[in-house]
């Protein structure tokens, strides 16, 4: 989508595309932060990371697509707490728009199909997110967070010329097989968060099911028996596919996506 927007509206300008892998941050939040505070703290971490990148490249402002009241983190109280972690100006051009207005705008500029088919990263889902966060509680929860993780993902940010994205994407395409059955050497790997697994335990007759939350895959998958074939599973199939693609890119060819 970024390449499309640049190509249509800004191709006369040189643009750097900076991508940060936030999965380690998400994992730290899921493991250490109180459920109700997760959404606001995740946004605060995103603003901190973006502000560090902005400072590095001399960017004067950040722009987000938040609209007031559309989700729990986008109340006035929560937005104020999110903004408090940075001195960088944050612009929100859609702040007063309703959902239909935003959809119509996306249709007009040609991004509606991108938005409709884009995988939803739903790793951090609070069961009861706060709509009126309290600063003292947020700061107390953040004391549990290892900020060296945030520093590391910012330091490792991927910075490319946006003109190279299309070519780079074509070169890096990796296919991953999706299956609805299993063989004698297969093991199902339930990659949902621990809370999701406890709420809806996965039991499949005739095959072992092993738990390994998605945010631990990058560090723990290599410890599993690599003579087995691991069938990654999550409820909607989005996270399992993304993680299977990541593992394949890391050289693990014994992974598939399980969609019964």
Protein backbone atom coordinates (compact mmCIF):
# COMPACT_ATOMS: atom_id res chain seq x y z
CA UNK A 1 0.00 0.00 0.00
CA UNK A 2 2.82 2.42 0.84
CA UNK A 3 4.34 1.90 -2.60
CA UNK A 4 0.97 2.44 -4.27
CA UNK A 5 0.36 5.71 -2.40
CA UNK A 6 3.84 6.97 -3.21
CA UNK A 7 3.56 5.96 -6.87
CA UNK A 8 0.20 7.70 -7.27
CA UNK A 9 0.63 10.81 -5.16
CA UNK A 10 4.30 11.39 -4.41
CA UNK A 11 6.56 9.76 -6.99
CA UNK A 12 8.36 13.07 -7.63
CA UNK A 13 9.83 12.83 -4.12
CA UNK A 14 12.45 10.50 -2.73
CA UNK A 15 10.88 8.54 0.15
CA UNK A 16 12.43 6.20 2.68
CA UNK A 17 10.23 3.33 3.91
CA UNK A 18 11.05 2.35 7.49
CA UNK A 19 9.55 -0.87 8.87
CA UNK A 20 9.94 -2.01 12.48
CA UNK A 21 9.30 -5.60 13.55
CA UNK A 22 7.16 -5.05 16.64
CA UNK A 23 6.64 -8.71 17.44
CA UNK A 24 9.14 -8.78 20.36
CA UNK A 25 7.40 -5.73 21.84
CA UNK A 26 4.01 -7.40 21.47
CA UNK A 27 5.35 -10.51 23.18
CA UNK A 28 6.67 -8.52 26.11
CA UNK A 29 3.30 -6.76 26.49
CA UNK A 30 1.35 -10.01 26.37
CA UNK A 31 3.56 -11.60 29.00
CA UNK A 32 3.88 -8.74 31.47
CA UNK A 33 1.14 -6.11 31.06
CA UNK A 34 -2.31 -6.15 32.65
CA UNK A 35 -4.99 -7.05 30.12
CA UNK A 36 -6.97 -3.82 30.32
CA UNK A 37 -3.92 -1.60 29.76
CA UNK A 38 -2.46 -3.47 26.77
CA UNK A 39 -3.98 -1.39 23.98
CA UNK A 40 -2.88 1.99 25.33
CA UNK A 41 0.58 0.74 26.23
CA UNK A 42 1.05 -0.81 22.78
CA UNK A 43 0.18 2.55 21.19
CA UNK A 44 2.57 4.33 23.56
CA UNK A 45 5.34 1.95 22.50
CA UNK A 46 4.54 2.58 18.83
CA UNK A 47 4.73 6.35 19.35
CA UNK A 48 8.03 6.00 21.22
CA UNK A 49 9.47 3.92 18.38
CA UNK A 50 8.20 6.25 15.67
CA UNK A 51 9.56 9.25 17.56
CA UNK A 52 13.01 7.68 17.75
CA UNK A 53 12.93 7.10 13.99
CA UNK A 54 11.68 10.65 13.41
CA UNK A 55 14.52 12.06 15.48
CA UNK A 56 17.06 9.95 13.61
CA UNK A 57 15.97 11.22 10.21
CA UNK A 58 14.94 14.75 11.12
CA UNK A 59 11.22 14.16 10.62
CA UNK A 60 9.14 17.02 12.04
CA UNK A 61 5.82 15.22 12.70
CA UNK A 62 4.10 11.84 12.88
CA UNK A 63 0.80 11.12 11.10
CA UNK A 64 -1.64 8.44 12.26
CA UNK A 65 -5.03 7.24 11.01
CA UNK A 66 -6.83 7.30 14.34
CA UNK A 67 -10.46 8.42 14.47
CA UNK A 68 -12.03 9.47 17.74
CA UNK A 69 -13.96 6.70 19.47
CA UNK A 70 -13.57 4.00 16.79
CA UNK A 71 -11.72 1.67 19.15
CA UNK A 72 -11.13 1.71 22.89
CA UNK A 73 -7.66 3.28 22.68
CA UNK A 74 -9.00 6.21 20.66
CA UNK A 75 -10.85 8.12 23.35
CA UNK A 76 -9.68 11.63 24.25
CA UNK A 77 -8.33 10.42 27.59
CA UNK A 78 -6.35 7.59 26.03
CA UNK A 79 -5.07 9.63 23.09
CA UNK A 80 -3.74 12.24 25.51
CA UNK A 81 -1.85 9.53 27.44
CA UNK A 82 -0.51 8.08 24.20
CA UNK A 83 0.76 11.48 23.05
CA UNK A 84 2.42 12.14 26.42
CA UNK A 85 5.33 9.79 25.67
CA UNK A 86 6.69 11.97 22.87
CA UNK A 87 7.53 15.60 22.16
CA UNK A 88 7.05 14.97 18.43
CA UNK A 89 3.98 16.58 16.89
CA UNK A 90 1.32 13.95 16.09
CA UNK A 91 -1.16 14.78 13.33
CA UNK A 92 -4.47 12.91 13.03
CA UNK A 93 -6.23 14.06 9.85
CA UNK A 94 -9.04 11.50 10.26
CA UNK A 95 -9.76 12.30 13.91
CA UNK A 96 -13.37 13.53 13.33
CA UNK A 97 -14.32 11.14 10.50
CA UNK A 98 -16.74 8.26 10.93
CA UNK A 99 -16.11 4.82 9.49
CA UNK A 100 -18.21 5.32 6.33
CA UNK A 101 -16.42 8.56 5.52
CA UNK A 102 -13.05 6.84 5.84
CA UNK A 103 -14.19 3.93 3.62
CA UNK A 104 -15.42 6.39 0.99
CA UNK A 105 -12.09 8.21 1.04
CA UNK A 106 -10.22 4.91 0.67
CA UNK A 107 -12.42 4.08 -2.32
CA UNK A 108 -11.70 7.45 -3.92
CA UNK A 109 -7.93 7.18 -3.64
CA UNK A 110 -7.84 3.50 -4.62
CA UNK A 111 -6.83 1.86 -1.35
CA UNK A 112 -10.13 0.18 -0.46
CA UNK A 113 -9.10 -3.20 -1.87
CA UNK A 114 -5.77 -3.04 -0.04
CA UNK A 115 -7.55 -2.40 3.25
CA UNK A 116 -10.13 -5.13 2.65
CA UNK A 117 -7.56 -7.86 1.96
CA UNK A 118 -4.83 -6.76 4.36
CA UNK A 119 -4.21 -9.36 7.11
CA UNK A 120 -5.30 -8.10 10.51
CA UNK A 121 -2.58 -8.35 13.10
CA UNK A 122 -4.61 -9.12 16.18
CA UNK A 123 -1.94 -10.40 18.55
CA UNK A 124 -2.78 -7.91 21.28
CA UNK A 125 -6.46 -8.19 22.07
CA UNK A 126 -7.67 -7.07 25.49
CA UNK A 127 -10.76 -8.79 26.78
CA UNK A 128 -11.73 -5.65 28.68
CA UNK A 129 -9.69 -2.70 27.34
CA UNK A 130 -9.86 0.52 29.28
CA UNK A 131 -11.50 3.50 27.61
CA UNK A 132 -10.28 5.88 30.31
CA UNK A 133 -6.75 4.96 31.24
CA UNK A 134 -5.19 6.39 34.39
CA UNK A 135 -1.66 7.72 33.99
CA UNK A 136 -0.37 6.28 37.27
CA UNK A 137 -1.66 2.80 36.39
CA UNK A 138 -0.19 2.96 32.89
CA UNK A 139 3.20 4.02 34.23
CA UNK A 140 3.11 1.31 36.90
CA UNK A 141 2.44 -1.33 34.24
CA UNK A 142 5.21 0.03 32.02
CA UNK A 143 7.70 -0.45 34.87
CA UNK A 144 7.33 -4.18 34.17
CA UNK A 145 8.36 -3.68 30.53
CA UNK A 146 11.93 -4.30 29.37
CA UNK A 147 12.63 -1.15 27.34
CA UNK A 148 15.82 -2.64 25.88
CA UNK A 149 13.48 -4.69 23.66
CA UNK A 150 11.99 -1.50 22.23
CA UNK A 151 15.45 0.00 21.69
CA UNK A 152 16.58 -3.16 19.89
CA UNK A 153 13.68 -3.31 17.41
CA UNK A 154 14.14 0.37 16.57
CA UNK A 155 17.86 -0.16 16.05
CA UNK A 156 17.11 -3.09 13.72
CA UNK A 157 14.48 -1.19 11.70
CA UNK A 158 14.45 -1.99 7.99
CA UNK A 159 15.09 1.17 5.98
CA UNK A 160 14.71 0.99 2.19
CA UNK A 161 14.11 3.31 -0.74
CA UNK A 162 10.39 3.01 -1.45
CA UNK A 163 11.17 2.60 -5.16
CA UNK A 164 12.78 -0.75 -4.34
CA UNK A 165 9.86 -2.22 -2.39
CA UNK A 166 8.04 -3.82 -5.32
CA UNK A 167 11.20 -5.47 -6.66
CA UNK A 168 12.31 -6.58 -3.21
CA UNK A 169 8.90 -8.09 -2.46
CA UNK A 170 8.96 -10.12 -5.67
CA UNK A 171 12.41 -11.48 -4.82
CA UNK A 172 11.43 -12.43 -1.28
CA UNK A 173 8.17 -14.24 -2.04
CA UNK A 174 8.05 -17.50 -0.11
CA UNK A 175 5.26 -20.03 -0.49
CA UNK A 176 3.85 -21.92 2.45
CA UNK A 177 1.60 -24.96 2.18
CA UNK A 178 -1.84 -25.01 3.79
CA UNK A 179 -3.25 -28.42 4.77
CA UNK A 180 -6.52 -29.68 6.23
CA UNK A 181 -5.23 -33.09 7.29
CA UNK A 182 -2.13 -34.54 8.92
CA UNK A 183 0.33 -37.42 8.67
CA UNK A 184 2.13 -39.60 11.21
CA UNK A 185 5.11 -37.24 11.46
CA UNK A 186 3.04 -34.10 11.93
CA UNK A 187 2.45 -32.08 15.11
CA UNK A 188 -0.03 -29.22 15.47
CA UNK A 189 1.57 -26.09 16.90
CA UNK A 190 -1.02 -23.90 18.62
CA UNK A 191 0.43 -20.38 18.30
CA UNK A 192 -2.42 -18.46 19.95
CA UNK A 193 -1.76 -16.40 23.07
CA UNK A 194 -1.88 -18.27 26.37
CA UNK A 195 -5.19 -16.63 27.33
CA UNK A 196 -6.81 -17.77 24.08
CA UNK A 197 -5.52 -21.30 24.57
CA UNK A 198 -6.84 -21.44 28.10
CA UNK A 199 -10.26 -20.13 27.02
CA UNK A 200 -10.58 -22.55 24.07
CA UNK A 201 -8.14 -25.47 24.38
CA UNK A 202 -7.41 -27.15 21.05
CA UNK A 203 -7.86 -30.92 21.00
CA UNK A 204 -7.57 -32.87 17.76
CA UNK A 205 -7.96 -36.64 17.77
CA UNK A 206 -5.05 -38.60 16.38
CA UNK A 207 -2.35 -35.93 16.60
CA UNK A 208 -0.28 -34.22 19.27
CA UNK A 209 -0.92 -30.55 19.94
CA UNK A 210 1.94 -28.43 21.29
CA UNK A 211 1.60 -24.91 22.66
CA UNK A 212 4.01 -22.17 21.57
CA UNK A 213 2.59 -18.63 21.45
CA UNK A 214 3.42 -16.74 18.26
CA UNK A 215 5.56 -14.18 20.07
CA UNK A 216 7.97 -16.92 21.18
CA UNK A 217 8.37 -18.57 17.78
CA UNK A 218 11.39 -16.52 16.72
CA UNK A 219 13.39 -17.61 19.76
CA UNK A 220 11.93 -21.00 20.66
CA UNK A 221 10.98 -22.74 17.41
CA UNK A 222 14.56 -23.91 16.84
CA UNK A 223 14.39 -25.85 20.13
CA UNK A 224 11.59 -28.08 18.79
CA UNK A 225 12.23 -31.46 17.15
CA UNK A 226 13.22 -30.47 13.62
CA UNK A 227 12.61 -34.01 12.36
CA UNK A 228 8.88 -33.41 12.75
CA UNK A 229 6.58 -31.36 10.52
CA UNK A 230 4.91 -28.54 12.43
CA UNK A 231 1.41 -27.47 11.44
CA UNK A 232 0.86 -23.92 12.69
CA UNK A 233 -2.67 -23.16 13.83
CA UNK A 234 -4.59 -20.12 15.02
CA UNK A 235 -8.32 -19.49 14.98
CA UNK A 236 -8.53 -17.20 11.95
CA UNK A 237 -5.52 -18.49 10.03
CA UNK A 238 -3.92 -15.07 9.55
CA UNK A 239 -1.29 -15.21 12.27
CA UNK A 240 -0.39 -18.82 11.48
CA UNK A 241 0.26 -17.96 7.84
CA UNK A 242 2.35 -14.90 8.71
CA UNK A 243 4.41 -16.88 11.20
CA UNK A 244 4.86 -19.83 8.83
CA UNK A 245 6.14 -17.41 6.16
CA UNK A 246 8.54 -15.90 8.67
CA UNK A 247 9.87 -19.31 9.71
CA UNK A 248 10.33 -20.34 6.08
CA UNK A 249 12.31 -17.17 5.46
CA UNK A 250 14.51 -18.15 8.42
CA UNK A 251 15.28 -21.48 6.73
CA UNK A 252 12.77 -23.75 8.50
CA UNK A 253 11.16 -25.84 5.76
CA UNK A 254 9.27 -28.18 8.10
CA UNK A 255 6.32 -25.82 8.65
CA UNK A 256 2.83 -25.72 7.17
CA UNK A 257 -0.43 -23.96 7.99
CA UNK A 258 -3.21 -26.12 9.44
CA UNK A 259 -6.73 -25.14 8.37
CA UNK A 260 -9.16 -28.04 9.00
